[in-house]
Amino acid sequence: MTVIDAELDASGLNCPLPILKAKKALAGLQGGQSLRVIATDPDSVKDFETFSRQLGHTLLEARKENGRFYFLLRKREG
């Protein structure tokens, strides 16, 4: 089980706000720490896949539950 170091609730926000808020939250974390993001925008699934791939963060989890999307990101080292 991964320790969640920070959580961001971006429910009700549409693209690109969940990504922008996640980027800001990750900036406050150390490399290797994790951030859980909760979103309601269906486009956020593709957005977080692209975001993590382009910036080198690891997308540990992406799931949908009760109309919400949950993402678990591990900040890249360095």
PDB file of N, CA and C in Angstrom:
ATOM      1  N   MET A   1       0.848  -1.190   0.000  1.00  0.00           N
ATOM      2  CA  MET A   1       0.000   0.000   0.000  1.00  0.00           C
ATOM      3  C   MET A   1       0.889   1.249   0.000  1.00  0.00           C
ATOM      4  N   THR A   2       0.557   2.173  -0.852  1.00  0.00           N
ATOM      5  CA  THR A   2       1.315   3.411  -0.980  1.00  0.00           C
ATOM      6  C   THR A   2       0.839   4.432   0.046  1.00  0.00           C
ATOM      7  N   VAL A   3       1.771   5.085   0.695  1.00  0.00           N
ATOM      8  CA  VAL A   3       1.442   6.165   1.619  1.00  0.00           C
ATOM      9  C   VAL A   3       1.034   7.375   0.794  1.00  0.00           C
ATOM     10  N   ILE A   4      -0.062   8.020   1.177  1.00  0.00           N
ATOM     11  CA  ILE A   4      -0.516   9.227   0.489  1.00  0.00           C
ATOM     12  C   ILE A   4      -0.028  10.422   1.295  1.00  0.00           C
ATOM     13  N   ASP A   5       0.859  11.199   0.687  1.00  0.00           N
ATOM     14  CA  ASP A   5       1.461  12.329   1.379  1.00  0.00           C
ATOM     15  C   ASP A   5       0.613  13.594   1.305  1.00  0.00           C
ATOM     16  N   ALA A   6      -0.208  13.709   0.262  1.00  0.00           N
ATOM     17  CA  ALA A   6      -1.069  14.879   0.107  1.00  0.00           C
ATOM     18  C   ALA A   6      -2.282  14.482  -0.716  1.00  0.00           C
ATOM     19  N   GLU A   7      -3.368  15.233  -0.529  1.00  0.00           N
ATOM     20  CA  GLU A   7      -4.585  14.958  -1.280  1.00  0.00           C
ATOM     21  C   GLU A   7      -5.134  16.269  -1.821  1.00  0.00           C
ATOM     22  N   LEU A   8      -5.638  16.212  -3.042  1.00  0.00           N
ATOM     23  CA  LEU A   8      -6.215  17.377  -3.704  1.00  0.00           C
ATOM     24  C   LEU A   8      -7.603  17.002  -4.191  1.00  0.00           C
ATOM     25  N   ASP A   9      -8.605  17.737  -3.764  1.00  0.00           N
ATOM     26  CA  ASP A   9      -9.968  17.509  -4.236  1.00  0.00           C
ATOM     27  C   ASP A   9     -10.271  18.548  -5.309  1.00  0.00           C
ATOM     28  N   ALA A  10     -10.275  18.099  -6.560  1.00  0.00           N
ATOM     29  CA  ALA A  10     -10.553  18.975  -7.695  1.00  0.00           C
ATOM     30  C   ALA A  10     -11.951  18.721  -8.246  1.00  0.00           C
ATOM     31  N   SER A  11     -12.833  18.203  -7.405  1.00  0.00           N
ATOM     32  CA  SER A  11     -14.204  17.918  -7.820  1.00  0.00           C
ATOM     33  C   SER A  11     -14.885  19.198  -8.281  1.00  0.00           C
ATOM     34  N   GLY A  12     -15.628  19.080  -9.371  1.00  0.00           N
ATOM     35  CA  GLY A  12     -16.360  20.222  -9.898  1.00  0.00           C
ATOM     36  C   GLY A  12     -15.542  21.112 -10.817  1.00  0.00           C
ATOM     37  N   LEU A  13     -14.251  20.858 -10.925  1.00  0.00           N
ATOM     38  CA  LEU A  13     -13.393  21.668 -11.787  1.00  0.00           C
ATOM     39  C   LEU A  13     -13.216  20.972 -13.136  1.00  0.00           C
ATOM     40  N   ASN A  14     -13.176  21.764 -14.194  1.00  0.00           N
ATOM     41  CA  ASN A  14     -12.984  21.224 -15.534  1.00  0.00           C
ATOM     42  C   ASN A  14     -11.583  21.522 -16.029  1.00  0.00           C
ATOM     43  N   CYS A  15     -11.182  20.772 -17.034  1.00  0.00           N
ATOM     44  CA  CYS A  15      -9.882  20.928 -17.668  1.00  0.00           C
ATOM     45  C   CYS A  15      -9.649  22.399 -18.027  1.00  0.00           C
ATOM     46  N   PRO A  16      -8.499  22.950 -17.738  1.00  0.00           N
ATOM     47  CA  PRO A  16      -7.279  22.300 -17.260  1.00  0.00           C
ATOM     48  C   PRO A  16      -7.057  22.445 -15.760  1.00  0.00           C
ATOM     49  N   LEU A  17      -8.047  22.910 -15.008  1.00  0.00           N
ATOM     50  CA  LEU A  17      -7.836  23.219 -13.590  1.00  0.00           C
ATOM     51  C   LEU A  17      -7.369  22.037 -12.742  1.00  0.00           C
ATOM     52  N   PRO A  18      -7.913  20.820 -12.884  1.00  0.00           N
ATOM     53  CA  PRO A  18      -7.383  19.720 -12.053  1.00  0.00           C
ATOM     54  C   PRO A  18      -5.883  19.491 -12.272  1.00  0.00           C
ATOM     55  N   ILE A  19      -5.429  19.585 -13.521  1.00  0.00           N
ATOM     56  CA  ILE A  19      -4.012  19.396 -13.828  1.00  0.00           C
ATOM     57  C   ILE A  19      -3.184  20.534 -13.239  1.00  0.00           C
ATOM     58  N   LEU A  20      -3.644  21.761 -13.411  1.00  0.00           N
ATOM     59  CA  LEU A  20      -2.898  22.915 -12.894  1.00  0.00           C
ATOM     60  C   LEU A  20      -2.774  22.856 -11.375  1.00  0.00           C
ATOM     61  N   LYS A  21      -3.852  22.487 -10.706  1.00  0.00           N
ATOM     62  CA  LYS A  21      -3.819  22.384  -9.248  1.00  0.00           C
ATOM     63  C   LYS A  21      -2.927  21.221  -8.801  1.00  0.00           C
ATOM     64  N   ALA A  22      -2.947  20.119  -9.552  1.00  0.00           N
ATOM     65  CA  ALA A  22      -2.086  18.978  -9.229  1.00  0.00           C
ATOM     66  C   ALA A  22      -0.620  19.358  -9.413  1.00  0.00           C
ATOM     67  N   LYS A  23      -0.322  20.093 -10.460  1.00  0.00           N
ATOM     68  CA  LYS A  23       1.058  20.519 -10.707  1.00  0.00           C
ATOM     69  C   LYS A  23       1.567  21.373  -9.551  1.00  0.00           C
ATOM     70  N   LYS A  24       0.716  22.273  -9.072  1.00  0.00           N
ATOM     71  CA  LYS A  24       1.086  23.136  -7.941  1.00  0.00           C
ATOM     72  C   LYS A  24       1.267  22.299  -6.666  1.00  0.00           C
ATOM     73  N   ALA A  25       0.371  21.352  -6.437  1.00  0.00           N
ATOM     74  CA  ALA A  25       0.470  20.496  -5.244  1.00  0.00           C
ATOM     75  C   ALA A  25       1.735  19.642  -5.290  1.00  0.00           C
ATOM     76  N   LEU A  26       2.068  19.106  -6.457  1.00  0.00           N
ATOM     77  CA  LEU A  26       3.271  18.292  -6.594  1.00  0.00           C
ATOM     78  C   LEU A  26       4.533  19.114  -6.361  1.00  0.00           C
ATOM     79  N   ALA A  27       4.490  20.385  -6.731  1.00  0.00           N
ATOM     80  CA  ALA A  27       5.655  21.255  -6.533  1.00  0.00           C
ATOM     81  C   ALA A  27       6.010  21.381  -5.053  1.00  0.00           C
ATOM     82  N   GLY A  28       5.022  21.209  -4.185  1.00  0.00           N
ATOM     83  CA  GLY A  28       5.255  21.305  -2.752  1.00  0.00           C
ATOM     84  C   GLY A  28       5.702  20.006  -2.106  1.00  0.00           C
ATOM     85  N   LEU A  29       5.811  18.945  -2.900  1.00  0.00           N
ATOM     86  CA  LEU A  29       6.210  17.640  -2.374  1.00  0.00           C
ATOM     87  C   LEU A  29       7.658  17.337  -2.735  1.00  0.00           C
ATOM     88  N   GLN A  30       8.260  16.430  -1.978  1.00  0.00           N
ATOM     89  CA  GLN A  30       9.606  15.940  -2.269  1.00  0.00           C
ATOM     90  C   GLN A  30       9.504  14.825  -3.313  1.00  0.00           C
ATOM     91  N   GLY A  31      10.584  14.598  -4.041  1.00  0.00           N
ATOM     92  CA  GLY A  31      10.621  13.498  -4.989  1.00  0.00           C
ATOM     93  C   GLY A  31      10.308  12.182  -4.292  1.00  0.00           C
ATOM     94  N   GLY A  32       9.463  11.375  -4.916  1.00  0.00           N
ATOM     95  CA  GLY A  32       9.085  10.084  -4.345  1.00  0.00           C
ATOM     96  C   GLY A  32       7.827  10.135  -3.499  1.00  0.00           C
ATOM     97  N   GLN A  33       7.381  11.338  -3.123  1.00  0.00           N
ATOM     98  CA  GLN A  33       6.146  11.444  -2.346  1.00  0.00           C
ATOM     99  C   GLN A  33       4.950  11.309  -3.288  1.00  0.00           C
ATOM    100  N   SER A  34       3.787  11.028  -2.705  1.00  0.00           N
ATOM    101  CA  SER A  34       2.616  10.784  -3.542  1.00  0.00           C
ATOM    102  C   SER A  34       1.490  11.767  -3.257  1.00  0.00           C
ATOM    103  N   LEU A  35       0.699  11.988  -4.305  1.00  0.00           N
ATOM    104  CA  LEU A  35      -0.437  12.895  -4.268  1.00  0.00           C
ATOM    105  C   LEU A  35      -1.648  12.161  -4.800  1.00  0.00           C
ATOM    106  N   ARG A  36      -2.743  12.196  -4.035  1.00  0.00           N
ATOM    107  CA  ARG A  36      -4.009  11.649  -4.537  1.00  0.00           C
ATOM    108  C   ARG A  36      -4.860  12.819  -5.000  1.00  0.00           C
ATOM    109  N   VAL A  37      -5.398  12.693  -6.204  1.00  0.00           N
ATOM    110  CA  VAL A  37      -6.266  13.723  -6.775  1.00  0.00           C
ATOM    111  C   VAL A  37      -7.644  13.115  -6.981  1.00  0.00           C
ATOM    112  N   ILE A  38      -8.665  13.852  -6.573  1.00  0.00           N
ATOM    113  CA  ILE A  38     -10.053  13.451  -6.791  1.00  0.00           C
ATOM    114  C   ILE A  38     -10.638  14.453  -7.779  1.00  0.00           C
ATOM    115  N   ALA A  39     -11.223  13.943  -8.854  1.00  0.00           N
ATOM    116  CA  ALA A  39     -11.784  14.813  -9.882  1.00  0.00           C
ATOM    117  C   ALA A  39     -13.131  14.276 -10.346  1.00  0.00           C
ATOM    118  N   THR A  40     -13.902  15.135 -10.979  1.00  0.00           N
ATOM    119  CA  THR A  40     -15.192  14.715 -11.530  1.00  0.00           C
ATOM    120  C   THR A  40     -15.244  14.887 -13.048  1.00  0.00           C
ATOM    121  N   ASP A  41     -14.264  15.539 -13.621  1.00  0.00           N
ATOM    122  CA  ASP A  41     -14.222  15.771 -15.061  1.00  0.00           C
ATOM    123  C   ASP A  41     -13.771  14.497 -15.784  1.00  0.00           C
ATOM    124  N   PRO A  42     -14.628  13.918 -16.657  1.00  0.00           N
ATOM    125  CA  PRO A  42     -14.244  12.692 -17.370  1.00  0.00           C
ATOM    126  C   PRO A  42     -12.980  12.857 -18.214  1.00  0.00           C
ATOM    127  N   ASP A  43     -12.712  14.060 -18.691  1.00  0.00           N
ATOM    128  CA  ASP A  43     -11.502  14.301 -19.479  1.00  0.00           C
ATOM    129  C   ASP A  43     -10.236  14.186 -18.639  1.00  0.00           C
ATOM    130  N   SER A  44     -10.371  14.220 -17.324  1.00  0.00           N
ATOM    131  CA  SER A  44      -9.190  14.164 -16.462  1.00  0.00           C
ATOM    132  C   SER A  44      -8.444  12.833 -16.585  1.00  0.00           C
ATOM    133  N   VAL A  45      -9.120  11.773 -17.001  1.00  0.00           N
ATOM    134  CA  VAL A  45      -8.451  10.480 -17.148  1.00  0.00           C
ATOM    135  C   VAL A  45      -7.321  10.594 -18.159  1.00  0.00           C
ATOM    136  N   LYS A  46      -7.637  11.062 -19.351  1.00  0.00           N
ATOM    137  CA  LYS A  46      -6.606  11.236 -20.379  1.00  0.00           C
ATOM    138  C   LYS A  46      -5.612  12.315 -19.972  1.00  0.00           C
ATOM    139  N   ASP A  47      -6.108  13.379 -19.362  1.00  0.00           N
ATOM    140  CA  ASP A  47      -5.240  14.485 -18.952  1.00  0.00           C
ATOM    141  C   ASP A  47      -4.151  14.017 -17.986  1.00  0.00           C
ATOM    142  N   PHE A  48      -4.524  13.219 -16.978  1.00  0.00           N
ATOM    143  CA  PHE A  48      -3.533  12.782 -15.993  1.00  0.00           C
ATOM    144  C   PHE A  48      -2.566  11.752 -16.575  1.00  0.00           C
ATOM    145  N   GLU A  49      -3.034  10.934 -17.521  1.00  0.00           N
ATOM    146  CA  GLU A  49      -2.119  10.003 -18.190  1.00  0.00           C
ATOM    147  C   GLU A  49      -1.059  10.787 -18.965  1.00  0.00           C
ATOM    148  N   THR A  50      -1.494  11.791 -19.709  1.00  0.00           N
ATOM    149  CA  THR A  50      -0.568  12.612 -20.491  1.00  0.00           C
ATOM    150  C   THR A  50       0.341  13.425 -19.590  1.00  0.00           C
ATOM    151  N   PHE A  51      -0.228  14.033 -18.566  1.00  0.00           N
ATOM    152  CA  PHE A  51       0.520  14.859 -17.615  1.00  0.00           C
ATOM    153  C   PHE A  51       1.656  14.070 -16.974  1.00  0.00           C
ATOM    154  N   SER A  52       1.348  12.883 -16.470  1.00  0.00           N
ATOM    155  CA  SER A  52       2.374  12.092 -15.779  1.00  0.00           C
ATOM    156  C   SER A  52       3.451  11.629 -16.755  1.00  0.00           C
ATOM    157  N   ARG A  53       3.055  11.243 -17.955  1.00  0.00           N
ATOM    158  CA  ARG A  53       4.032  10.779 -18.948  1.00  0.00           C
ATOM    159  C   ARG A  53       4.958  11.927 -19.375  1.00  0.00           C
ATOM    160  N   GLN A  54       4.399  13.099 -19.634  1.00  0.00           N
ATOM    161  CA  GLN A  54       5.199  14.226 -20.110  1.00  0.00           C
ATOM    162  C   GLN A  54       6.136  14.780 -19.048  1.00  0.00           C
ATOM    163  N   LEU A  55       5.706  14.776 -17.786  1.00  0.00           N
ATOM    164  CA  LEU A  55       6.519  15.373 -16.729  1.00  0.00           C
ATOM    165  C   LEU A  55       7.338  14.354 -15.940  1.00  0.00           C
ATOM    166  N   GLY A  56       7.153  13.068 -16.229  1.00  0.00           N
ATOM    167  CA  GLY A  56       7.976  12.046 -15.589  1.00  0.00           C
ATOM    168  C   GLY A  56       7.485  11.585 -14.234  1.00  0.00           C
ATOM    169  N   HIS A  57       6.260  11.955 -13.864  1.00  0.00           N
ATOM    170  CA  HIS A  57       5.680  11.450 -12.621  1.00  0.00           C
ATOM    171  C   HIS A  57       5.083  10.070 -12.905  1.00  0.00           C
ATOM    172  N   THR A  58       4.947   9.262 -11.869  1.00  0.00           N
ATOM    173  CA  THR A  58       4.377   7.928 -12.037  1.00  0.00           C
ATOM    174  C   THR A  58       2.906   7.952 -11.654  1.00  0.00           C
ATOM    175  N   LEU A  59       2.058   7.510 -12.574  1.00  0.00           N
ATOM    176  CA  LEU A  59       0.628   7.383 -12.291  1.00  0.00           C
ATOM    177  C   LEU A  59       0.410   5.990 -11.721  1.00  0.00           C
ATOM    178  N   LEU A  60       0.304   5.919 -10.396  1.00  0.00           N
ATOM    179  CA  LEU A  60       0.200   4.624  -9.710  1.00  0.00           C
ATOM    180  C   LEU A  60      -1.202   4.035  -9.798  1.00  0.00           C
ATOM    181  N   GLU A  61      -2.196   4.910  -9.892  1.00  0.00           N
ATOM    182  CA  GLU A  61      -3.576   4.445  -9.895  1.00  0.00           C
ATOM    183  C   GLU A  61      -4.457   5.447 -10.615  1.00  0.00           C
ATOM    184  N   ALA A  62      -5.417   4.940 -11.361  1.00  0.00           N
ATOM    185  CA  ALA A  62      -6.455   5.762 -11.980  1.00  0.00           C
ATOM    186  C   ALA A  62      -7.720   4.914 -11.948  1.00  0.00           C
ATOM    187  N   ARG A  63      -8.688   5.349 -11.170  1.00  0.00           N
ATOM    188  CA  ARG A  63      -9.913   4.560 -11.065  1.00  0.00           C
ATOM    189  C   ARG A  63     -11.128   5.470 -10.938  1.00  0.00           C
ATOM    190  N   LYS A  64     -12.270   4.906 -11.277  1.00  0.00           N
ATOM    191  CA  LYS A  64     -13.533   5.633 -11.157  1.00  0.00           C
ATOM    192  C   LYS A  64     -14.381   4.938 -10.108  1.00  0.00           C
ATOM    193  N   GLU A  65     -14.967   5.732  -9.234  1.00  0.00           N
ATOM    194  CA  GLU A  65     -15.810   5.181  -8.179  1.00  0.00           C
ATOM    195  C   GLU A  65     -16.886   6.200  -7.832  1.00  0.00           C
ATOM    196  N   ASN A  66     -18.143   5.797  -7.941  1.00  0.00           N
ATOM    197  CA  ASN A  66     -19.277   6.660  -7.598  1.00  0.00           C
ATOM    198  C   ASN A  66     -19.236   8.014  -8.298  1.00  0.00           C
ATOM    199  N   GLY A  67     -18.902   8.003  -9.591  1.00  0.00           N
ATOM    200  CA  GLY A  67     -18.910   9.231 -10.374  1.00  0.00           C
ATOM    201  C   GLY A  67     -17.708  10.133 -10.171  1.00  0.00           C
ATOM    202  N   ARG A  68     -16.755   9.677  -9.398  1.00  0.00           N
ATOM    203  CA  ARG A  68     -15.531  10.458  -9.182  1.00  0.00           C
ATOM    204  C   ARG A  68     -14.341   9.662  -9.711  1.00  0.00           C
ATOM    205  N   PHE A  69     -13.325  10.405 -10.104  1.00  0.00           N
ATOM    206  CA  PHE A  69     -12.090   9.799 -10.600  1.00  0.00           C
ATOM    207  C   PHE A  69     -11.000  10.014  -9.560  1.00  0.00           C
ATOM    208  N   TYR A  70     -10.280   8.955  -9.278  1.00  0.00           N
ATOM    209  CA  TYR A  70      -9.198   8.998  -8.283  1.00  0.00           C
ATOM    210  C   TYR A  70      -7.880   8.694  -8.981  1.00  0.00           C
ATOM    211  N   PHE A  71      -6.913   9.559  -8.768  1.00  0.00           N
ATOM    212  CA  PHE A  71      -5.589   9.395  -9.352  1.00  0.00           C
ATOM    213  C   PHE A  71      -4.562   9.421  -8.238  1.00  0.00           C
ATOM    214  N   LEU A  72      -3.603   8.534  -8.317  1.00  0.00           N
ATOM    215  CA  LEU A  72      -2.508   8.529  -7.364  1.00  0.00           C
ATOM    216  C   LEU A  72      -1.217   8.700  -8.140  1.00  0.00           C
ATOM    217  N   LEU A  73      -0.537   9.813  -7.871  1.00  0.00           N
ATOM    218  CA  LEU A  73       0.691  10.172  -8.572  1.00  0.00           C
ATOM    219  C   LEU A  73       1.861  10.132  -7.620  1.00  0.00           C
ATOM    220  N   ARG A  74       2.982   9.599  -8.117  1.00  0.00           N
ATOM    221  CA  ARG A  74       4.222   9.670  -7.343  1.00  0.00           C
ATOM    222  C   ARG A  74       5.129  10.681  -8.045  1.00  0.00           C
ATOM    223  N   LYS A  75       5.570  11.697  -7.286  1.00  0.00           N
ATOM    224  CA  LYS A  75       6.421  12.723  -7.859  1.00  0.00           C
ATOM    225  C   LYS A  75       7.758  12.128  -8.263  1.00  0.00           C
ATOM    226  N   ARG A  76       8.229  12.539  -9.419  1.00  0.00           N
ATOM    227  CA  ARG A  76       9.516  12.026  -9.906  1.00  0.00           C
ATOM    228  C   ARG A  76      10.646  12.475  -8.984  1.00  0.00           C
ATOM    229  N   GLU A  77      11.670  11.672  -8.941  1.00  0.00           N
ATOM    230  CA  GLU A  77      12.845  11.999  -8.138  1.00  0.00           C
ATOM    231  C   GLU A  77      13.656  13.072  -8.853  1.00  0.00           C
ATOM    232  N   GLY A  78      14.240  13.976  -8.041  1.00  0.00           N
ATOM    233  CA  GLY A  78      15.114  14.984  -8.622  1.00  0.00           C
ATOM    234  C   GLY A  78      14.390  16.075  -9.211  1.00  0.00           C
TER     235      GLY A  78
END
